[in-house]
């Protein structure tokens, strides 16, 4: 219960970071999210002993707090890079607009698309994180600290395999979007078929 309550504090951070990663995908930038995730992993690894054992002696709640801290660091990195980039992109859109009416219609269409995508991402991420928190709290309540440690190791391995599968998918999304934007739908279709085979 302590683990679940503490991780719940970080849920908005994780959801916002996931949405920011989607924006980076749109820009074709996978390096910044990787750097943010790597920094978060380092912060988590360094903070865990301090939060779990001496000097804070937080136990399971301390482990969850270290994870929340690492999520906050990742979000700070992502927002620090993304917000100026979004401002520049917005300014470029305003400069290239032919009329106020056309710009307003484009903004409304973009807002609807972004809202739909954000909702889908929010639903997916909150479901995944909710399951992780529930399973971790159930394991710690019923099976004890050894089981929660084993659960943590298995979860990290599972995440590694998920990310190994996700990385080519992100690259394919970016490449397909560029090919479709340049009018080369046949090349995008071939790329998608190759990715499906892989």
N, C-alpha and C. Protein backbone atom coordinates (compact mmCIF):
# COMPACT_ATOMS: atom_id res chain seq x y z
N UNK A 1 0.83 -1.20 0.00
CA UNK A 1 0.00 0.00 0.00
C UNK A 1 0.87 1.26 0.00
N UNK A 2 1.94 1.23 0.77
CA UNK A 2 2.86 2.37 0.79
C UNK A 2 3.49 2.59 -0.58
N UNK A 3 3.86 1.49 -1.23
CA UNK A 3 4.45 1.58 -2.57
C UNK A 3 3.43 2.17 -3.55
N UNK A 4 2.21 1.67 -3.52
CA UNK A 4 1.18 2.13 -4.45
C UNK A 4 0.87 3.61 -4.24
N UNK A 5 0.75 4.02 -2.99
CA UNK A 5 0.44 5.44 -2.71
C UNK A 5 1.55 6.36 -3.19
N UNK A 6 2.79 5.96 -2.96
CA UNK A 6 3.91 6.81 -3.36
C UNK A 6 4.05 6.85 -4.87
N UNK A 7 3.90 5.72 -5.54
CA UNK A 7 3.97 5.70 -7.00
C UNK A 7 2.84 6.51 -7.62
N UNK A 8 1.69 6.53 -6.96
CA UNK A 8 0.55 7.31 -7.49
C UNK A 8 0.89 8.79 -7.59
N UNK A 9 1.78 9.27 -6.72
CA UNK A 9 2.21 10.67 -6.78
C UNK A 9 2.88 10.95 -8.12
N UNK A 10 3.64 9.96 -8.60
CA UNK A 10 4.39 10.14 -9.84
C UNK A 10 3.62 9.83 -11.10
N UNK A 11 2.37 9.36 -10.98
CA UNK A 11 1.60 9.00 -12.17
C UNK A 11 1.42 10.18 -13.14
N UNK A 12 1.07 11.38 -12.67
CA UNK A 12 0.97 12.50 -13.61
C UNK A 12 2.31 12.80 -14.31
N UNK A 13 3.41 12.62 -13.60
CA UNK A 13 4.72 12.84 -14.22
C UNK A 13 4.96 11.84 -15.34
N UNK A 14 4.65 10.57 -15.07
CA UNK A 14 4.87 9.53 -16.07
C UNK A 14 3.98 9.74 -17.29
N UNK A 15 2.73 10.13 -17.06
CA UNK A 15 1.81 10.35 -18.18
C UNK A 15 2.25 11.54 -19.03
N UNK A 16 2.68 12.61 -18.37
CA UNK A 16 3.13 13.79 -19.11
C UNK A 16 4.40 13.48 -19.89
N UNK A 17 5.30 12.73 -19.28
CA UNK A 17 6.53 12.34 -19.98
C UNK A 17 6.22 11.48 -21.20
N UNK A 18 5.24 10.59 -21.07
CA UNK A 18 4.86 9.75 -22.20
C UNK A 18 4.30 10.60 -23.34
N UNK A 19 3.48 11.60 -23.01
CA UNK A 19 2.95 12.50 -24.04
C UNK A 19 4.08 13.29 -24.70
N UNK A 20 5.04 13.73 -23.89
CA UNK A 20 6.18 14.48 -24.43
C UNK A 20 7.01 13.61 -25.37
N UNK A 21 7.18 12.33 -25.03
CA UNK A 21 7.90 11.43 -25.91
C UNK A 21 7.20 11.30 -27.26
N UNK A 22 5.86 11.30 -27.24
CA UNK A 22 5.11 11.28 -28.49
C UNK A 22 5.38 12.51 -29.34
N UNK A 23 5.50 13.66 -28.70
CA UNK A 23 5.82 14.88 -29.44
C UNK A 23 7.21 14.79 -30.05
N UNK A 24 8.16 14.23 -29.30
CA UNK A 24 9.51 14.06 -29.86
C UNK A 24 9.49 13.12 -31.06
N UNK A 25 8.64 12.09 -31.01
CA UNK A 25 8.51 11.21 -32.16
C UNK A 25 8.04 12.01 -33.38
N UNK A 26 7.09 12.90 -33.15
CA UNK A 26 6.58 13.73 -34.24
C UNK A 26 7.68 14.59 -34.85
N UNK A 27 8.60 15.06 -34.03
CA UNK A 27 9.72 15.85 -34.53
C UNK A 27 10.82 14.97 -35.14
N UNK A 28 10.68 13.66 -35.00
CA UNK A 28 11.71 12.76 -35.52
C UNK A 28 12.94 12.69 -34.63
N UNK A 29 12.77 13.03 -33.35
CA UNK A 29 13.89 13.05 -32.41
C UNK A 29 13.70 11.92 -31.39
N UNK A 30 14.49 10.87 -31.53
CA UNK A 30 14.45 9.78 -30.55
C UNK A 30 15.62 9.85 -29.58
N UNK A 31 16.58 10.73 -29.88
CA UNK A 31 17.76 10.84 -29.03
C UNK A 31 17.43 11.49 -27.68
N UNK A 32 16.64 12.58 -27.70
CA UNK A 32 16.33 13.29 -26.44
C UNK A 32 15.57 12.40 -25.46
N UNK A 33 14.50 11.67 -25.89
CA UNK A 33 13.84 10.77 -24.94
C UNK A 33 14.78 9.68 -24.40
N UNK A 34 15.69 9.20 -25.26
CA UNK A 34 16.65 8.20 -24.80
C UNK A 34 17.55 8.79 -23.71
N UNK A 35 18.04 10.02 -23.94
CA UNK A 35 18.90 10.67 -22.95
C UNK A 35 18.16 10.91 -21.65
N UNK A 36 16.89 11.32 -21.75
CA UNK A 36 16.08 11.55 -20.54
C UNK A 36 15.87 10.25 -19.78
N UNK A 37 15.59 9.17 -20.51
CA UNK A 37 15.39 7.87 -19.86
C UNK A 37 16.68 7.36 -19.21
N UNK A 38 17.81 7.57 -19.89
CA UNK A 38 19.10 7.14 -19.33
C UNK A 38 19.42 7.91 -18.06
N UNK A 39 19.18 9.22 -18.09
CA UNK A 39 19.42 10.03 -16.89
C UNK A 39 18.50 9.61 -15.75
N UNK A 40 17.23 9.32 -16.08
CA UNK A 40 16.28 8.87 -15.05
C UNK A 40 16.74 7.55 -14.44
N UNK A 41 17.25 6.64 -15.26
CA UNK A 41 17.74 5.36 -14.75
C UNK A 41 18.92 5.56 -13.80
N UNK A 42 19.81 6.48 -14.16
CA UNK A 42 20.98 6.76 -13.31
C UNK A 42 20.53 7.36 -11.98
N UNK A 43 19.61 8.35 -12.06
CA UNK A 43 19.09 8.99 -10.83
C UNK A 43 18.42 7.94 -9.95
N UNK A 44 17.62 7.06 -10.56
CA UNK A 44 16.94 6.02 -9.79
C UNK A 44 17.93 5.09 -9.11
N UNK A 45 18.96 4.68 -9.85
CA UNK A 45 19.95 3.77 -9.29
C UNK A 45 20.72 4.41 -8.13
N UNK A 46 21.01 5.71 -8.26
CA UNK A 46 21.74 6.40 -7.19
C UNK A 46 20.83 6.68 -5.99
N UNK A 47 19.57 7.06 -6.27
CA UNK A 47 18.66 7.45 -5.18
C UNK A 47 18.13 6.25 -4.40
N UNK A 48 17.99 5.09 -5.06
CA UNK A 48 17.41 3.92 -4.38
C UNK A 48 18.07 3.59 -3.05
N UNK A 49 19.38 3.43 -2.99
CA UNK A 49 19.98 3.07 -1.69
C UNK A 49 19.73 4.12 -0.60
N UNK A 50 19.77 5.41 -0.99
CA UNK A 50 19.55 6.46 0.00
C UNK A 50 18.11 6.49 0.50
N UNK A 51 17.17 6.23 -0.41
CA UNK A 51 15.76 6.30 -0.02
C UNK A 51 15.28 5.02 0.66
N UNK A 52 15.86 3.87 0.28
CA UNK A 52 15.43 2.59 0.86
C UNK A 52 16.11 2.34 2.20
N UNK A 53 17.44 2.58 2.25
CA UNK A 53 18.22 2.31 3.47
C UNK A 53 18.58 3.63 4.14
N UNK A 54 19.71 3.64 4.84
CA UNK A 54 20.16 4.87 5.50
C UNK A 54 20.55 5.89 4.43
N UNK A 55 20.32 7.16 4.61
CA UNK A 55 19.86 7.82 5.82
C UNK A 55 18.34 7.93 5.95
N UNK A 56 17.55 7.70 4.87
CA UNK A 56 16.11 7.94 4.95
C UNK A 56 15.32 6.73 5.46
N UNK A 57 15.84 5.51 5.24
CA UNK A 57 15.19 4.28 5.71
C UNK A 57 13.72 4.19 5.31
N UNK A 58 13.44 4.46 4.04
CA UNK A 58 12.06 4.48 3.56
C UNK A 58 11.50 3.12 3.17
N UNK A 59 12.35 2.12 3.02
CA UNK A 59 11.88 0.80 2.64
C UNK A 59 11.24 0.80 1.25
N UNK A 60 10.11 0.10 1.14
CA UNK A 60 9.41 -0.02 -0.14
C UNK A 60 8.93 1.35 -0.61
N UNK A 61 8.42 2.16 0.31
CA UNK A 61 7.97 3.51 -0.06
C UNK A 61 9.15 4.35 -0.55
N UNK A 62 10.32 4.13 0.02
CA UNK A 62 11.52 4.85 -0.43
C UNK A 62 11.90 4.47 -1.85
N UNK A 63 11.75 3.18 -2.18
CA UNK A 63 12.02 2.74 -3.55
C UNK A 63 11.07 3.42 -4.53
N UNK A 64 9.81 3.50 -4.15
CA UNK A 64 8.82 4.17 -5.01
C UNK A 64 9.13 5.66 -5.14
N UNK A 65 9.57 6.28 -4.04
CA UNK A 65 9.90 7.70 -4.08
C UNK A 65 11.11 7.98 -4.97
N UNK A 66 12.08 7.08 -4.97
CA UNK A 66 13.24 7.22 -5.86
C UNK A 66 12.80 7.15 -7.32
N UNK A 67 11.84 6.27 -7.61
CA UNK A 67 11.31 6.17 -8.98
C UNK A 67 10.58 7.44 -9.37
N UNK A 68 9.79 7.99 -8.45
CA UNK A 68 9.07 9.25 -8.71
C UNK A 68 10.07 10.37 -8.99
N UNK A 69 11.14 10.42 -8.21
CA UNK A 69 12.17 11.44 -8.42
C UNK A 69 12.79 11.29 -9.80
N UNK A 70 13.08 10.05 -10.20
CA UNK A 70 13.69 9.84 -11.51
C UNK A 70 12.73 10.23 -12.63
N UNK A 71 11.42 10.00 -12.43
CA UNK A 71 10.43 10.42 -13.43
C UNK A 71 10.37 11.95 -13.53
N UNK A 72 10.50 12.63 -12.40
CA UNK A 72 10.50 14.09 -12.41
C UNK A 72 11.72 14.63 -13.16
N UNK A 73 12.87 13.99 -12.98
CA UNK A 73 14.09 14.41 -13.68
C UNK A 73 13.91 14.21 -15.19
N UNK A 74 13.37 13.06 -15.59
CA UNK A 74 13.15 12.79 -17.02
C UNK A 74 12.19 13.81 -17.62
N UNK A 75 11.12 14.11 -16.90
CA UNK A 75 10.15 15.08 -17.41
C UNK A 75 10.77 16.47 -17.53
N UNK A 76 11.60 16.86 -16.57
CA UNK A 76 12.26 18.16 -16.64
C UNK A 76 13.15 18.26 -17.87
N UNK A 77 13.89 17.19 -18.16
CA UNK A 77 14.76 17.18 -19.35
C UNK A 77 13.91 17.29 -20.61
N UNK A 78 12.85 16.49 -20.69
CA UNK A 78 12.00 16.49 -21.88
C UNK A 78 11.35 17.86 -22.10
N UNK A 79 10.81 18.44 -21.03
CA UNK A 79 10.15 19.74 -21.17
C UNK A 79 11.15 20.85 -21.47
N UNK A 80 12.34 20.75 -20.90
CA UNK A 80 13.37 21.77 -21.16
C UNK A 80 13.77 21.83 -22.62
N UNK A 81 13.70 20.71 -23.32
CA UNK A 81 14.03 20.68 -24.75
C UNK A 81 12.79 20.92 -25.60
N UNK A 82 11.65 20.34 -25.17
CA UNK A 82 10.45 20.35 -26.01
C UNK A 82 9.77 21.72 -26.07
N UNK A 83 9.64 22.40 -24.95
CA UNK A 83 8.88 23.66 -24.94
C UNK A 83 9.46 24.72 -25.87
N UNK A 84 10.78 24.97 -25.85
CA UNK A 84 11.32 25.92 -26.84
C UNK A 84 11.12 25.47 -28.28
N UNK A 85 11.21 24.17 -28.51
CA UNK A 85 11.01 23.65 -29.87
C UNK A 85 9.57 23.86 -30.33
N UNK A 86 8.62 23.64 -29.42
CA UNK A 86 7.21 23.88 -29.77
C UNK A 86 6.94 25.35 -30.04
N UNK A 87 7.57 26.22 -29.26
CA UNK A 87 7.39 27.67 -29.49
C UNK A 87 7.91 28.06 -30.88
N UNK A 88 9.09 27.53 -31.24
CA UNK A 88 9.65 27.83 -32.56
C UNK A 88 8.75 27.30 -33.67
N UNK A 89 8.26 26.07 -33.51
CA UNK A 89 7.38 25.49 -34.53
C UNK A 89 6.09 26.28 -34.66
N UNK A 90 5.56 26.73 -33.53
CA UNK A 90 4.33 27.53 -33.56
C UNK A 90 4.57 28.85 -34.27
N UNK A 91 5.71 29.46 -33.99
CA UNK A 91 6.04 30.74 -34.63
C UNK A 91 6.22 30.56 -36.14
N UNK A 92 6.86 29.47 -36.54
CA UNK A 92 7.04 29.20 -37.98
C UNK A 92 5.70 28.99 -38.66
N UNK A 93 4.77 28.30 -37.97
CA UNK A 93 3.44 28.10 -38.54
C UNK A 93 2.72 29.43 -38.73
N UNK A 94 2.84 30.31 -37.74
CA UNK A 94 2.18 31.62 -37.84
C UNK A 94 2.77 32.44 -38.99
N UNK A 95 4.09 32.35 -39.16
CA UNK A 95 4.74 33.12 -40.22
C UNK A 95 4.38 32.60 -41.61
N UNK A 96 4.11 31.30 -41.73
CA UNK A 96 3.84 30.73 -43.04
C UNK A 96 2.35 30.70 -43.39
N UNK A 97 1.46 31.10 -42.48
CA UNK A 97 0.03 31.06 -42.74
C UNK A 97 -0.37 32.13 -43.74
N UNK A 98 -1.28 31.77 -44.67
CA UNK A 98 -1.74 32.72 -45.68
C UNK A 98 -2.80 33.65 -45.14
N UNK A 99 -3.68 33.13 -44.27
CA UNK A 99 -4.74 33.98 -43.73
C UNK A 99 -5.07 33.55 -42.32
N UNK A 100 -5.73 34.44 -41.61
CA UNK A 100 -6.11 34.15 -40.22
C UNK A 100 -7.14 33.03 -40.18
N UNK A 101 -8.09 33.03 -41.13
CA UNK A 101 -9.14 32.01 -41.15
C UNK A 101 -8.55 30.62 -41.41
N UNK A 102 -7.65 30.55 -42.39
CA UNK A 102 -7.03 29.26 -42.70
C UNK A 102 -6.22 28.76 -41.52
N UNK A 103 -5.50 29.65 -40.84
CA UNK A 103 -4.70 29.26 -39.68
C UNK A 103 -5.60 28.77 -38.56
N UNK A 104 -6.75 29.44 -38.36
CA UNK A 104 -7.67 29.02 -37.30
C UNK A 104 -8.24 27.63 -37.59
N UNK A 105 -8.60 27.36 -38.86
CA UNK A 105 -9.11 26.04 -39.22
C UNK A 105 -8.05 24.96 -39.02
N UNK A 106 -6.81 25.26 -39.42
CA UNK A 106 -5.73 24.30 -39.22
C UNK A 106 -5.50 24.04 -37.74
N UNK A 107 -5.54 25.11 -36.94
CA UNK A 107 -5.34 24.95 -35.49
C UNK A 107 -6.42 24.07 -34.88
N UNK A 108 -7.68 24.25 -35.31
CA UNK A 108 -8.76 23.42 -34.77
C UNK A 108 -8.60 21.96 -35.18
N UNK A 109 -8.23 21.73 -36.43
CA UNK A 109 -8.02 20.35 -36.89
C UNK A 109 -6.86 19.71 -36.13
N UNK A 110 -5.77 20.48 -35.97
CA UNK A 110 -4.62 19.97 -35.21
C UNK A 110 -5.00 19.67 -33.77
N UNK A 111 -5.80 20.56 -33.17
CA UNK A 111 -6.21 20.37 -31.77
C UNK A 111 -7.03 19.09 -31.62
N UNK A 112 -7.93 18.82 -32.56
CA UNK A 112 -8.73 17.59 -32.50
C UNK A 112 -7.84 16.35 -32.63
N UNK A 113 -6.90 16.40 -33.56
CA UNK A 113 -5.99 15.27 -33.75
C UNK A 113 -5.15 15.04 -32.51
N UNK A 114 -4.61 16.12 -31.97
CA UNK A 114 -3.77 16.01 -30.77
C UNK A 114 -4.58 15.50 -29.59
N UNK A 115 -5.82 15.98 -29.44
CA UNK A 115 -6.66 15.54 -28.32
C UNK A 115 -6.94 14.05 -28.41
N UNK A 116 -7.24 13.56 -29.61
CA UNK A 116 -7.50 12.13 -29.77
C UNK A 116 -6.28 11.29 -29.47
N UNK A 117 -5.13 11.72 -29.99
CA UNK A 117 -3.89 10.99 -29.76
C UNK A 117 -3.51 11.03 -28.28
N UNK A 118 -3.68 12.18 -27.66
CA UNK A 118 -3.36 12.33 -26.24
C UNK A 118 -4.23 11.42 -25.39
N UNK A 119 -5.52 11.35 -25.72
CA UNK A 119 -6.42 10.48 -24.95
C UNK A 119 -6.00 9.02 -25.08
N UNK A 120 -5.68 8.59 -26.31
CA UNK A 120 -5.26 7.20 -26.52
C UNK A 120 -3.97 6.90 -25.75
N UNK A 121 -3.00 7.83 -25.81
CA UNK A 121 -1.74 7.64 -25.09
C UNK A 121 -1.97 7.63 -23.59
N UNK A 122 -2.83 8.53 -23.11
CA UNK A 122 -3.15 8.60 -21.69
C UNK A 122 -3.78 7.30 -21.21
N UNK A 123 -4.72 6.78 -21.99
CA UNK A 123 -5.40 5.54 -21.63
C UNK A 123 -4.41 4.37 -21.59
N UNK A 124 -3.57 4.27 -22.63
CA UNK A 124 -2.59 3.18 -22.68
C UNK A 124 -1.62 3.26 -21.52
N UNK A 125 -1.03 4.44 -21.31
CA UNK A 125 0.00 4.58 -20.28
C UNK A 125 -0.57 4.41 -18.88
N UNK A 126 -1.75 4.99 -18.63
CA UNK A 126 -2.34 4.86 -17.29
C UNK A 126 -2.73 3.41 -17.02
N UNK A 127 -3.16 2.67 -18.04
CA UNK A 127 -3.49 1.25 -17.85
C UNK A 127 -2.25 0.46 -17.49
N UNK A 128 -1.17 0.69 -18.24
CA UNK A 128 0.08 -0.04 -17.99
C UNK A 128 0.62 0.29 -16.60
N UNK A 129 0.71 1.58 -16.29
CA UNK A 129 1.26 1.98 -14.99
C UNK A 129 0.36 1.52 -13.84
N UNK A 130 -0.95 1.60 -14.05
CA UNK A 130 -1.87 1.13 -13.02
C UNK A 130 -1.68 -0.35 -12.72
N UNK A 131 -1.49 -1.15 -13.79
CA UNK A 131 -1.25 -2.59 -13.60
C UNK A 131 0.06 -2.83 -12.85
N UNK A 132 1.10 -2.08 -13.23
CA UNK A 132 2.39 -2.26 -12.54
C UNK A 132 2.27 -1.97 -11.05
N UNK A 133 1.62 -0.86 -10.74
CA UNK A 133 1.49 -0.47 -9.33
C UNK A 133 0.65 -1.49 -8.58
N UNK A 134 -0.45 -1.95 -9.17
CA UNK A 134 -1.31 -2.93 -8.51
C UNK A 134 -0.55 -4.24 -8.26
N UNK A 135 0.15 -4.71 -9.29
CA UNK A 135 0.89 -5.98 -9.14
C UNK A 135 1.98 -5.84 -8.08
N UNK A 136 2.71 -4.73 -8.12
CA UNK A 136 3.79 -4.53 -7.14
C UNK A 136 3.23 -4.46 -5.73
N UNK A 137 2.12 -3.75 -5.54
CA UNK A 137 1.56 -3.66 -4.19
C UNK A 137 1.00 -5.01 -3.74
N UNK A 138 0.40 -5.76 -4.67
CA UNK A 138 -0.13 -7.09 -4.31
C UNK A 138 0.99 -8.05 -3.94
N UNK A 139 2.07 -8.03 -4.73
CA UNK A 139 3.20 -8.92 -4.46
C UNK A 139 3.81 -8.58 -3.10
N UNK A 140 4.00 -7.29 -2.82
CA UNK A 140 4.63 -6.92 -1.55
C UNK A 140 3.73 -7.24 -0.36
N UNK A 141 2.41 -7.14 -0.54
CA UNK A 141 1.50 -7.40 0.57
C UNK A 141 1.39 -8.89 0.88
N UNK A 142 1.34 -9.72 -0.15
CA UNK A 142 1.07 -11.14 0.06
C UNK A 142 2.31 -12.02 0.10
N UNK A 143 3.37 -11.61 -0.59
CA UNK A 143 4.51 -12.51 -0.74
C UNK A 143 5.80 -12.03 -0.09
N UNK A 144 5.87 -10.77 0.32
CA UNK A 144 7.03 -10.29 1.05
C UNK A 144 8.10 -9.65 0.18
N UNK A 145 9.18 -9.19 0.83
CA UNK A 145 10.21 -8.40 0.15
C UNK A 145 11.00 -9.16 -0.92
N UNK A 146 11.22 -10.47 -0.73
CA UNK A 146 11.96 -11.23 -1.75
C UNK A 146 11.18 -11.28 -3.05
N UNK A 147 9.87 -11.47 -2.93
CA UNK A 147 9.03 -11.54 -4.13
C UNK A 147 8.96 -10.19 -4.84
N UNK A 148 8.90 -9.10 -4.07
CA UNK A 148 8.84 -7.78 -4.71
C UNK A 148 10.17 -7.47 -5.40
N UNK A 149 11.26 -7.94 -4.84
CA UNK A 149 12.56 -7.76 -5.50
C UNK A 149 12.61 -8.54 -6.81
N UNK A 150 12.13 -9.79 -6.78
CA UNK A 150 12.09 -10.60 -8.00
C UNK A 150 11.17 -9.96 -9.03
N UNK A 151 10.04 -9.45 -8.57
CA UNK A 151 9.11 -8.76 -9.47
C UNK A 151 9.79 -7.55 -10.13
N UNK A 152 10.57 -6.81 -9.37
CA UNK A 152 11.28 -5.66 -9.91
C UNK A 152 12.27 -6.05 -11.00
N UNK A 153 12.99 -7.15 -10.78
CA UNK A 153 13.96 -7.62 -11.77
C UNK A 153 13.24 -8.05 -13.05
N UNK A 154 12.19 -8.84 -12.90
CA UNK A 154 11.44 -9.33 -14.07
C UNK A 154 10.82 -8.16 -14.82
N UNK A 155 10.30 -7.19 -14.10
CA UNK A 155 9.69 -6.02 -14.74
C UNK A 155 10.72 -5.26 -15.57
N UNK A 156 11.92 -5.09 -15.03
CA UNK A 156 12.97 -4.38 -15.78
C UNK A 156 13.37 -5.15 -17.04
N UNK A 157 13.46 -6.48 -16.94
CA UNK A 157 13.77 -7.29 -18.13
C UNK A 157 12.66 -7.19 -19.17
N UNK A 158 11.42 -7.24 -18.70
CA UNK A 158 10.29 -7.12 -19.61
C UNK A 158 10.32 -5.76 -20.31
N UNK A 159 10.61 -4.70 -19.56
CA UNK A 159 10.70 -3.36 -20.15
C UNK A 159 11.81 -3.30 -21.20
N UNK A 160 12.93 -3.96 -20.92
CA UNK A 160 14.02 -3.98 -21.89
C UNK A 160 13.56 -4.59 -23.21
N UNK A 161 12.87 -5.73 -23.14
CA UNK A 161 12.39 -6.38 -24.36
C UNK A 161 11.34 -5.52 -25.07
N UNK A 162 10.48 -4.87 -24.29
CA UNK A 162 9.47 -3.99 -24.90
C UNK A 162 10.15 -2.84 -25.64
N UNK A 163 11.16 -2.24 -25.03
CA UNK A 163 11.85 -1.12 -25.66
C UNK A 163 12.62 -1.57 -26.90
N UNK A 164 13.17 -2.78 -26.86
CA UNK A 164 13.86 -3.32 -28.04
C UNK A 164 12.89 -3.44 -29.21
N UNK A 165 11.65 -3.83 -28.92
CA UNK A 165 10.63 -3.92 -29.98
C UNK A 165 10.11 -2.55 -30.38
N UNK A 166 10.02 -1.63 -29.43
CA UNK A 166 9.42 -0.32 -29.68
C UNK A 166 10.34 0.59 -30.50
N UNK A 167 11.64 0.48 -30.31
CA UNK A 167 12.58 1.39 -30.98
C UNK A 167 12.48 1.31 -32.50
N UNK A 168 12.49 0.11 -33.11
CA UNK A 168 12.33 0.07 -34.57
C UNK A 168 10.96 0.60 -35.02
N UNK A 169 9.94 0.39 -34.20
CA UNK A 169 8.61 0.88 -34.55
C UNK A 169 8.60 2.41 -34.61
N UNK A 170 9.28 3.05 -33.67
CA UNK A 170 9.36 4.52 -33.67
C UNK A 170 10.08 5.00 -34.91
N UNK A 171 11.20 4.35 -35.23
CA UNK A 171 11.96 4.74 -36.42
C UNK A 171 11.11 4.56 -37.68
N UNK A 172 10.36 3.46 -37.74
CA UNK A 172 9.50 3.21 -38.91
C UNK A 172 8.41 4.26 -39.03
N UNK A 173 7.84 4.68 -37.90
CA UNK A 173 6.81 5.73 -37.93
C UNK A 173 7.37 7.01 -38.54
N UNK A 174 8.55 7.38 -38.11
CA UNK A 174 9.17 8.61 -38.59
C UNK A 174 9.48 8.50 -40.08
N UNK A 175 10.08 7.39 -40.49
CA UNK A 175 10.43 7.20 -41.90
C UNK A 175 9.18 7.17 -42.78
N UNK A 176 8.14 6.48 -42.33
CA UNK A 176 6.90 6.42 -43.11
C UNK A 176 6.26 7.80 -43.22
N UNK A 177 6.25 8.55 -42.13
CA UNK A 177 5.66 9.89 -42.17
C UNK A 177 6.40 10.78 -43.17
N UNK A 178 7.72 10.69 -43.19
CA UNK A 178 8.49 11.49 -44.14
C UNK A 178 8.20 11.08 -45.59
N UNK A 179 8.08 9.78 -45.83
CA UNK A 179 7.82 9.31 -47.19
C UNK A 179 6.41 9.69 -47.64
N UNK A 180 5.45 9.59 -46.74
CA UNK A 180 4.08 9.98 -47.09
C UNK A 180 4.00 11.48 -47.33
N UNK A 181 4.69 12.26 -46.48
CA UNK A 181 4.68 13.72 -46.64
C UNK A 181 5.31 14.14 -47.97
N UNK A 182 6.27 13.36 -48.45
CA UNK A 182 6.91 13.70 -49.73
C UNK A 182 6.15 13.10 -50.91
N UNK A 183 5.02 12.43 -50.64
CA UNK A 183 4.20 11.89 -51.72
C UNK A 183 4.59 10.50 -52.19
N UNK A 184 5.47 9.84 -51.45
CA UNK A 184 5.95 8.52 -51.86
C UNK A 184 5.24 7.44 -51.04
N UNK A 185 3.94 7.25 -51.29
CA UNK A 185 3.14 6.29 -50.52
C UNK A 185 3.58 4.85 -50.78
N UNK A 186 4.02 4.55 -52.00
CA UNK A 186 4.43 3.18 -52.33
C UNK A 186 5.66 2.78 -51.51
N UNK A 187 6.61 3.69 -51.37
CA UNK A 187 7.80 3.41 -50.57
C UNK A 187 7.44 3.23 -49.10
N UNK A 188 6.50 4.05 -48.60
CA UNK A 188 6.05 3.92 -47.21
C UNK A 188 5.39 2.57 -46.99
N UNK A 189 4.59 2.12 -47.97
CA UNK A 189 3.92 0.83 -47.87
C UNK A 189 4.95 -0.31 -47.81
N UNK A 190 5.98 -0.22 -48.66
CA UNK A 190 7.02 -1.26 -48.65
C UNK A 190 7.75 -1.30 -47.31
N UNK A 191 8.03 -0.12 -46.76
CA UNK A 191 8.70 -0.05 -45.46
C UNK A 191 7.83 -0.69 -44.38
N UNK A 192 6.54 -0.40 -44.38
CA UNK A 192 5.65 -0.98 -43.39
C UNK A 192 5.60 -2.50 -43.50
N UNK A 193 5.58 -3.01 -44.71
CA UNK A 193 5.57 -4.47 -44.91
C UNK A 193 6.86 -5.10 -44.38
N UNK A 194 8.00 -4.44 -44.61
CA UNK A 194 9.27 -4.96 -44.07
C UNK A 194 9.24 -4.97 -42.54
N UNK A 195 8.69 -3.90 -41.96
CA UNK A 195 8.62 -3.83 -40.49
C UNK A 195 7.71 -4.92 -39.94
N UNK A 196 6.59 -5.17 -40.61
CA UNK A 196 5.68 -6.22 -40.16
C UNK A 196 6.36 -7.59 -40.20
N UNK A 197 7.15 -7.84 -41.24
CA UNK A 197 7.88 -9.10 -41.32
C UNK A 197 8.89 -9.23 -40.19
N UNK A 198 9.60 -8.12 -39.92
CA UNK A 198 10.57 -8.15 -38.81
C UNK A 198 9.88 -8.43 -37.49
